Structures are given as structure tokens and as C-alpha cells.
PDB file of N, CA and C in Angstrom:
ATOM      1  N   MET A   1    -197.521 -97.609  75.192  1.00  0.00           N
ATOM      2  CA  MET A   1    -196.996 -96.447  74.506  1.00  0.00           C
ATOM      3  C   MET A   1    -195.974 -95.811  75.390  1.00  0.00           C
ATOM      4  N   ARG A   2    -194.885 -95.372  74.861  1.00  0.00           N
ATOM      5  CA  ARG A   2    -193.827 -94.683  75.578  1.00  0.00           C
ATOM      6  C   ARG A   2    -193.629 -93.290  75.026  1.00  0.00           C
ATOM      7  N   LEU A   3    -193.481 -92.334  75.912  1.00  0.00           N
ATOM      8  CA  LEU A   3    -193.274 -90.951  75.560  1.00  0.00           C
ATOM      9  C   LEU A   3    -191.987 -90.466  76.240  1.00  0.00           C
ATOM     10  N   THR A   4    -191.113 -89.868  75.475  1.00  0.00           N
ATOM     11  CA  THR A   4    -189.895 -89.292  75.999  1.00  0.00           C
ATOM     12  C   THR A   4    -189.885 -87.835  75.712  1.00  0.00           C
ATOM     13  N   LEU A   5    -189.610 -87.043  76.755  1.00  0.00           N
ATOM     14  CA  LEU A   5    -189.580 -85.581  76.575  1.00  0.00           C
ATOM     15  C   LEU A   5    -188.242 -85.098  77.033  1.00  0.00           C
ATOM     16  N   HIS A   6    -187.670 -84.223  76.224  1.00  0.00           N
ATOM     17  CA  HIS A   6    -186.387 -83.556  76.595  1.00  0.00           C
ATOM     18  C   HIS A   6    -186.642 -82.044  76.678  1.00  0.00           C
ATOM     19  N   ALA A   7    -186.153 -81.437  77.728  1.00  0.00           N
ATOM     20  CA  ALA A   7    -186.334 -79.992  77.900  1.00  0.00           C
ATOM     21  C   ALA A   7    -185.102 -79.428  78.608  1.00  0.00           C
ATOM     22  N   ARG A   8    -184.837 -78.129  78.365  1.00  0.00           N
ATOM     23  CA  ARG A   8    -183.742 -77.450  78.997  1.00  0.00           C
ATOM     24  C   ARG A   8    -184.289 -76.158  79.580  1.00  0.00           C
ATOM     25  N   GLY A   9    -183.700 -75.758  80.642  1.00  0.00           N
ATOM     26  CA  GLY A   9    -184.048 -74.509  81.293  1.00  0.00           C
ATOM     27  C   GLY A   9    -183.145 -74.168  82.439  1.00  0.00           C
ATOM     28  N   PRO A  10    -183.362 -73.050  83.079  1.00  0.00           N
ATOM     29  CA  PRO A  10    -182.434 -72.587  84.115  1.00  0.00           C
ATOM     30  C   PRO A  10    -182.630 -73.306  85.472  1.00  0.00           C
ATOM     31  N   GLN A  11    -183.693 -74.002  85.678  1.00  0.00           N
ATOM     32  CA  GLN A  11    -183.938 -74.660  86.968  1.00  0.00           C
ATOM     33  C   GLN A  11    -183.514 -76.102  86.922  1.00  0.00           C
ATOM     34  N   PRO A  12    -183.050 -76.629  88.049  1.00  0.00           N
ATOM     35  CA  PRO A  12    -182.690 -78.075  88.122  1.00  0.00           C
ATOM     36  C   PRO A  12    -183.940 -78.935  87.898  1.00  0.00           C
ATOM     37  N   ALA A  13    -183.727 -80.077  87.300  1.00  0.00           N
ATOM     38  CA  ALA A  13    -184.851 -80.970  86.959  1.00  0.00           C
ATOM     39  C   ALA A  13    -185.691 -81.360  88.182  1.00  0.00           C
ATOM     40  N   ASP A  14    -185.042 -81.620  89.342  1.00  0.00           N
ATOM     41  CA  ASP A  14    -185.818 -82.049  90.514  1.00  0.00           C
ATOM     42  C   ASP A  14    -186.689 -80.928  90.999  1.00  0.00           C
ATOM     43  N   GLU A  15    -186.286 -79.643  90.881  1.00  0.00           N
ATOM     44  CA  GLU A  15    -187.135 -78.532  91.301  1.00  0.00           C
ATOM     45  C   GLU A  15    -188.315 -78.390  90.361  1.00  0.00           C
ATOM     46  N   VAL A  16    -188.067 -78.515  89.062  1.00  0.00           N
ATOM     47  CA  VAL A  16    -189.122 -78.420  88.063  1.00  0.00           C
ATOM     48  C   VAL A  16    -190.161 -79.524  88.303  1.00  0.00           C
ATOM     49  N   TRP A  17    -189.702 -80.741  88.499  1.00  0.00           N
ATOM     50  CA  TRP A  17    -190.617 -81.842  88.738  1.00  0.00           C
ATOM     51  C   TRP A  17    -191.441 -81.606  90.006  1.00  0.00           C
ATOM     52  N   GLU A  18    -190.831 -81.099  91.072  1.00  0.00           N
ATOM     53  CA  GLU A  18    -191.559 -80.801  92.303  1.00  0.00           C
ATOM     54  C   GLU A  18    -192.656 -79.760  92.097  1.00  0.00           C
ATOM     55  N   ARG A  19    -192.404 -78.741  91.295  1.00  0.00           N
ATOM     56  CA  ARG A  19    -193.398 -77.734  90.961  1.00  0.00           C
ATOM     57  C   ARG A  19    -194.579 -78.348  90.205  1.00  0.00           C
ATOM     58  N   TYR A  20    -194.276 -79.344  89.391  1.00  0.00           N
ATOM     59  CA  TYR A  20    -195.361 -79.999  88.624  1.00  0.00           C
ATOM     60  C   TYR A  20    -196.074 -81.026  89.472  1.00  0.00           C
ATOM     61  N   ALA A  21    -195.379 -81.773  90.295  1.00  0.00           N
ATOM     62  CA  ALA A  21    -195.952 -82.852  91.045  1.00  0.00           C
ATOM     63  C   ALA A  21    -196.885 -82.441  92.160  1.00  0.00           C
ATOM     64  N   VAL A  22    -196.779 -81.180  92.599  1.00  0.00           N
ATOM     65  CA  VAL A  22    -197.593 -80.672  93.696  1.00  0.00           C
ATOM     66  C   VAL A  22    -198.571 -79.655  93.099  1.00  0.00           C
ATOM     67  N   PRO A  23    -199.798 -80.072  92.885  1.00  0.00           N
ATOM     68  CA  PRO A  23    -200.771 -79.168  92.220  1.00  0.00           C
ATOM     69  C   PRO A  23    -200.963 -77.801  92.907  1.00  0.00           C
ATOM     70  N   ALA A  24    -200.820 -77.751  94.235  1.00  0.00           N
ATOM     71  CA  ALA A  24    -200.956 -76.520  94.943  1.00  0.00           C
ATOM     72  C   ALA A  24    -199.917 -75.464  94.485  1.00  0.00           C
ATOM     73  N   ARG A  25    -198.827 -75.929  93.860  1.00  0.00           N
ATOM     74  CA  ARG A  25    -197.779 -75.031  93.390  1.00  0.00           C
ATOM     75  C   ARG A  25    -197.976 -74.548  91.960  1.00  0.00           C
ATOM     76  N   TRP A  26    -198.964 -75.088  91.264  1.00  0.00           N
ATOM     77  CA  TRP A  26    -199.135 -74.729  89.866  1.00  0.00           C
ATOM     78  C   TRP A  26    -199.293 -73.244  89.628  1.00  0.00           C
ATOM     79  N   PRO A  27    -200.059 -72.527  90.470  1.00  0.00           N
ATOM     80  CA  PRO A  27    -200.191 -71.071  90.231  1.00  0.00           C
ATOM     81  C   PRO A  27    -198.815 -70.326  90.302  1.00  0.00           C
ATOM     82  N   GLU A  28    -197.816 -70.918  90.911  1.00  0.00           N
ATOM     83  CA  GLU A  28    -196.485 -70.270  90.990  1.00  0.00           C
ATOM     84  C   GLU A  28    -195.862 -70.170  89.617  1.00  0.00           C
ATOM     85  N   TRP A  29    -196.055 -71.192  88.767  1.00  0.00           N
ATOM     86  CA  TRP A  29    -195.396 -71.182  87.477  1.00  0.00           C
ATOM     87  C   TRP A  29    -196.381 -70.962  86.310  1.00  0.00           C
ATOM     88  N   ALA A  30    -197.641 -70.910  86.609  1.00  0.00           N
ATOM     89  CA  ALA A  30    -198.677 -70.648  85.553  1.00  0.00           C
ATOM     90  C   ALA A  30    -199.647 -69.626  86.143  1.00  0.00           C
ATOM     91  N   PRO A  31    -199.343 -68.340  86.003  1.00  0.00           N
ATOM     92  CA  PRO A  31    -200.181 -67.298  86.628  1.00  0.00           C
ATOM     93  C   PRO A  31    -201.640 -67.307  86.184  1.00  0.00           C
ATOM     94  N   TYR A  32    -201.952 -67.918  85.073  1.00  0.00           N
ATOM     95  CA  TYR A  32    -203.352 -67.989  84.594  1.00  0.00           C
ATOM     96  C   TYR A  32    -204.120 -69.057  85.332  1.00  0.00           C
ATOM     97  N   ILE A  33    -203.475 -69.877  86.147  1.00  0.00           N
ATOM     98  CA  ILE A  33    -204.136 -70.847  86.982  1.00  0.00           C
ATOM     99  C   ILE A  33    -204.453 -70.170  88.295  1.00  0.00           C
ATOM    100  N   VAL A  34    -205.730 -70.036  88.607  1.00  0.00           N
ATOM    101  CA  VAL A  34    -206.153 -69.354  89.832  1.00  0.00           C
ATOM    102  C   VAL A  34    -206.113 -70.280  91.023  1.00  0.00           C
ATOM    103  N   GLY A  35    -206.345 -71.537  90.820  1.00  0.00           N
ATOM    104  CA  GLY A  35    -206.310 -72.505  91.884  1.00  0.00           C
ATOM    105  C   GLY A  35    -206.480 -73.904  91.367  1.00  0.00           C
ATOM    106  N   VAL A  36    -206.159 -74.873  92.247  1.00  0.00           N
ATOM    107  CA  VAL A  36    -206.259 -76.270  91.868  1.00  0.00           C
ATOM    108  C   VAL A  36    -206.896 -77.071  93.021  1.00  0.00           C
ATOM    109  N   ASP A  37    -207.874 -77.864  92.737  1.00  0.00           N
ATOM    110  CA  ASP A  37    -208.449 -78.794  93.720  1.00  0.00           C
ATOM    111  C   ASP A  37    -208.039 -80.169  93.230  1.00  0.00           C
ATOM    112  N   CYS A  38    -207.308 -80.911  94.034  1.00  0.00           N
ATOM    113  CA  CYS A  38    -206.836 -82.222  93.654  1.00  0.00           C
ATOM    114  C   CYS A  38    -207.125 -83.223  94.763  1.00  0.00           C
ATOM    115  N   SER A  39    -207.412 -84.442  94.367  1.00  0.00           N
ATOM    116  CA  SER A  39    -207.711 -85.480  95.314  1.00  0.00           C
ATOM    117  C   SER A  39    -206.495 -85.901  96.135  1.00  0.00           C
ATOM    118  N   ASP A  40    -205.315 -85.535  95.680  1.00  0.00           N
ATOM    119  CA  ASP A  40    -204.048 -85.934  96.329  1.00  0.00           C
ATOM    120  C   ASP A  40    -203.124 -84.708  96.411  1.00  0.00           C
ATOM    121  N   PRO A  41    -202.314 -84.625  97.472  1.00  0.00           N
ATOM    122  CA  PRO A  41    -201.373 -83.493  97.567  1.00  0.00           C
ATOM    123  C   PRO A  41    -200.262 -83.569  96.504  1.00  0.00           C
ATOM    124  N   ARG A  42    -199.980 -84.758  96.001  1.00  0.00           N
ATOM    125  CA  ARG A  42    -199.014 -84.953  94.893  1.00  0.00           C
ATOM    126  C   ARG A  42    -199.764 -85.723  93.819  1.00  0.00           C
ATOM    127  N   ILE A  43    -199.526 -85.370  92.555  1.00  0.00           N
ATOM    128  CA  ILE A  43    -200.191 -86.141  91.489  1.00  0.00           C
ATOM    129  C   ILE A  43    -199.661 -87.589  91.459  1.00  0.00           C
ATOM    130  N   ARG A  44    -200.522 -88.489  91.160  1.00  0.00           N
ATOM    131  CA  ARG A  44    -200.187 -89.884  90.998  1.00  0.00           C
ATOM    132  C   ARG A  44    -201.205 -90.526  90.075  1.00  0.00           C
ATOM    133  N   ALA A  45    -200.941 -91.721  89.666  1.00  0.00           N
ATOM    134  CA  ALA A  45    -201.945 -92.413  88.822  1.00  0.00           C
ATOM    135  C   ALA A  45    -203.246 -92.450  89.592  1.00  0.00           C
ATOM    136  N   GLY A  46    -204.336 -92.025  88.979  1.00  0.00           N
ATOM    137  CA  GLY A  46    -205.640 -92.040  89.564  1.00  0.00           C
ATOM    138  C   GLY A  46    -206.066 -90.717  90.197  1.00  0.00           C
ATOM    139  N   SER A  47    -205.157 -89.754  90.306  1.00  0.00           N
ATOM    140  CA  SER A  47    -205.514 -88.444  90.899  1.00  0.00           C
ATOM    141  C   SER A  47    -206.586 -87.776  90.026  1.00  0.00           C
ATOM    142  N   THR A  48    -207.501 -87.088  90.709  1.00  0.00           N
ATOM    143  CA  THR A  48    -208.550 -86.361  90.002  1.00  0.00           C
ATOM    144  C   THR A  48    -208.624 -84.968  90.584  1.00  0.00           C
ATOM    145  N   GLY A  49    -209.238 -84.033  89.851  1.00  0.00           N
ATOM    146  CA  GLY A  49    -209.391 -82.706  90.390  1.00  0.00           C
ATOM    147  C   GLY A  49    -209.863 -81.722  89.328  1.00  0.00           C
ATOM    148  N   HIS A  50    -209.789 -80.461  89.725  1.00  0.00           N
ATOM    149  CA  HIS A  50    -210.228 -79.375  88.826  1.00  0.00           C
ATOM    150  C   HIS A  50    -209.164 -78.281  88.902  1.00  0.00           C
ATOM    151  N   VAL A  51    -208.916 -77.659  87.777  1.00  0.00           N
ATOM    152  CA  VAL A  51    -208.037 -76.507  87.687  1.00  0.00           C
ATOM    153  C   VAL A  51    -208.919 -75.281  87.415  1.00  0.00           C
ATOM    154  N   ARG A  52    -208.742 -74.240  88.244  1.00  0.00           N
ATOM    155  CA  ARG A  52    -209.494 -73.000  88.073  1.00  0.00           C
ATOM    156  C   ARG A  52    -208.644 -71.981  87.381  1.00  0.00           C
ATOM    157  N   GLY A  53    -209.256 -71.372  86.331  1.00  0.00           N
ATOM    158  CA  GLY A  53    -208.570 -70.348  85.572  1.00  0.00           C
ATOM    159  C   GLY A  53    -209.330 -69.026  85.645  1.00  0.00           C
ATOM    160  N   PRO A  54    -208.869 -68.013  84.974  1.00  0.00           N
ATOM    161  CA  PRO A  54    -209.517 -66.728  84.988  1.00  0.00           C
ATOM    162  C   PRO A  54    -210.889 -66.782  84.337  1.00  0.00           C
ATOM    163  N   TRP A  55    -211.766 -66.016  84.815  1.00  0.00           N
ATOM    164  CA  TRP A  55    -213.103 -65.891  84.234  1.00  0.00           C
ATOM    165  C   TRP A  55    -213.101 -64.747  83.266  1.00  0.00           C
ATOM    166  N   ALA A  56    -213.716 -64.921  82.142  1.00  0.00           N
ATOM    167  CA  ALA A  56    -213.857 -63.870  81.139  1.00  0.00           C
ATOM    168  C   ALA A  56    -215.300 -63.719  80.748  1.00  0.00           C
ATOM    169  N   PRO A  57    -215.813 -62.508  80.575  1.00  0.00           N
ATOM    170  CA  PRO A  57    -217.218 -62.345  80.162  1.00  0.00           C
ATOM    171  C   PRO A  57    -217.508 -63.140  78.888  1.00  0.00           C
ATOM    172  N   GLY A  58    -218.577 -63.828  78.905  1.00  0.00           N
ATOM    173  CA  GLY A  58    -218.990 -64.623  77.736  1.00  0.00           C
ATOM    174  C   GLY A  58    -218.340 -66.018  77.724  1.00  0.00           C
ATOM    175  N   SER A  59    -217.431 -66.327  78.619  1.00  0.00           N
ATOM    176  CA  SER A  59    -216.833 -67.683  78.578  1.00  0.00           C
ATOM    177  C   SER A  59    -217.742 -68.617  79.353  1.00  0.00           C
ATOM    178  N   ARG A  60    -217.609 -69.877  79.046  1.00  0.00           N
ATOM    179  CA  ARG A  60    -218.397 -70.892  79.726  1.00  0.00           C
ATOM    180  C   ARG A  60    -217.532 -71.573  80.798  1.00  0.00           C
ATOM    181  N   SER A  61    -218.099 -71.743  81.970  1.00  0.00           N
ATOM    182  CA  SER A  61    -217.388 -72.435  83.055  1.00  0.00           C
ATOM    183  C   SER A  61    -217.388 -73.934  82.743  1.00  0.00           C
ATOM    184  N   ARG A  62    -216.343 -74.616  83.028  1.00  0.00           N
ATOM    185  CA  ARG A  62    -216.262 -76.063  82.805  1.00  0.00           C
ATOM    186  C   ARG A  62    -216.206 -76.770  84.126  1.00  0.00           C
TER     187      ARG A  62
END
């Protein structure tokens, strides 16, 4: 299967990719992400981990 995505924005593509490829940077562009635990400093095939988000009363932790 092949997926092609086109997007436009004010940041250069290499900077946007770097923000995505490094999980420790995710809270910079997604304030609802509290933290990320990843098996690798950069995502790659086979990377695993957990994304931590805000806790809300009555919500279930995953």
C-alpha cells in the first residue's frame, strides 16, 4: 500500500519532519501531549513507546 500526503504551512518541510521524527519534541507542537516514552530517540520501523496526555476526572488510563 502506498500513501501520499501533501501539506502546506509556514515551516520548511525538513524542520516539520524533524519535529515529528524526534518523539521528545512532540510536546512542542502538540501541547496536549504531556510526554513521550519511546524505545528510540528517532522514530523508525519497529519503534515502540507510550504517549502521555492530560488526565481528566473519569477518564481511563491506557
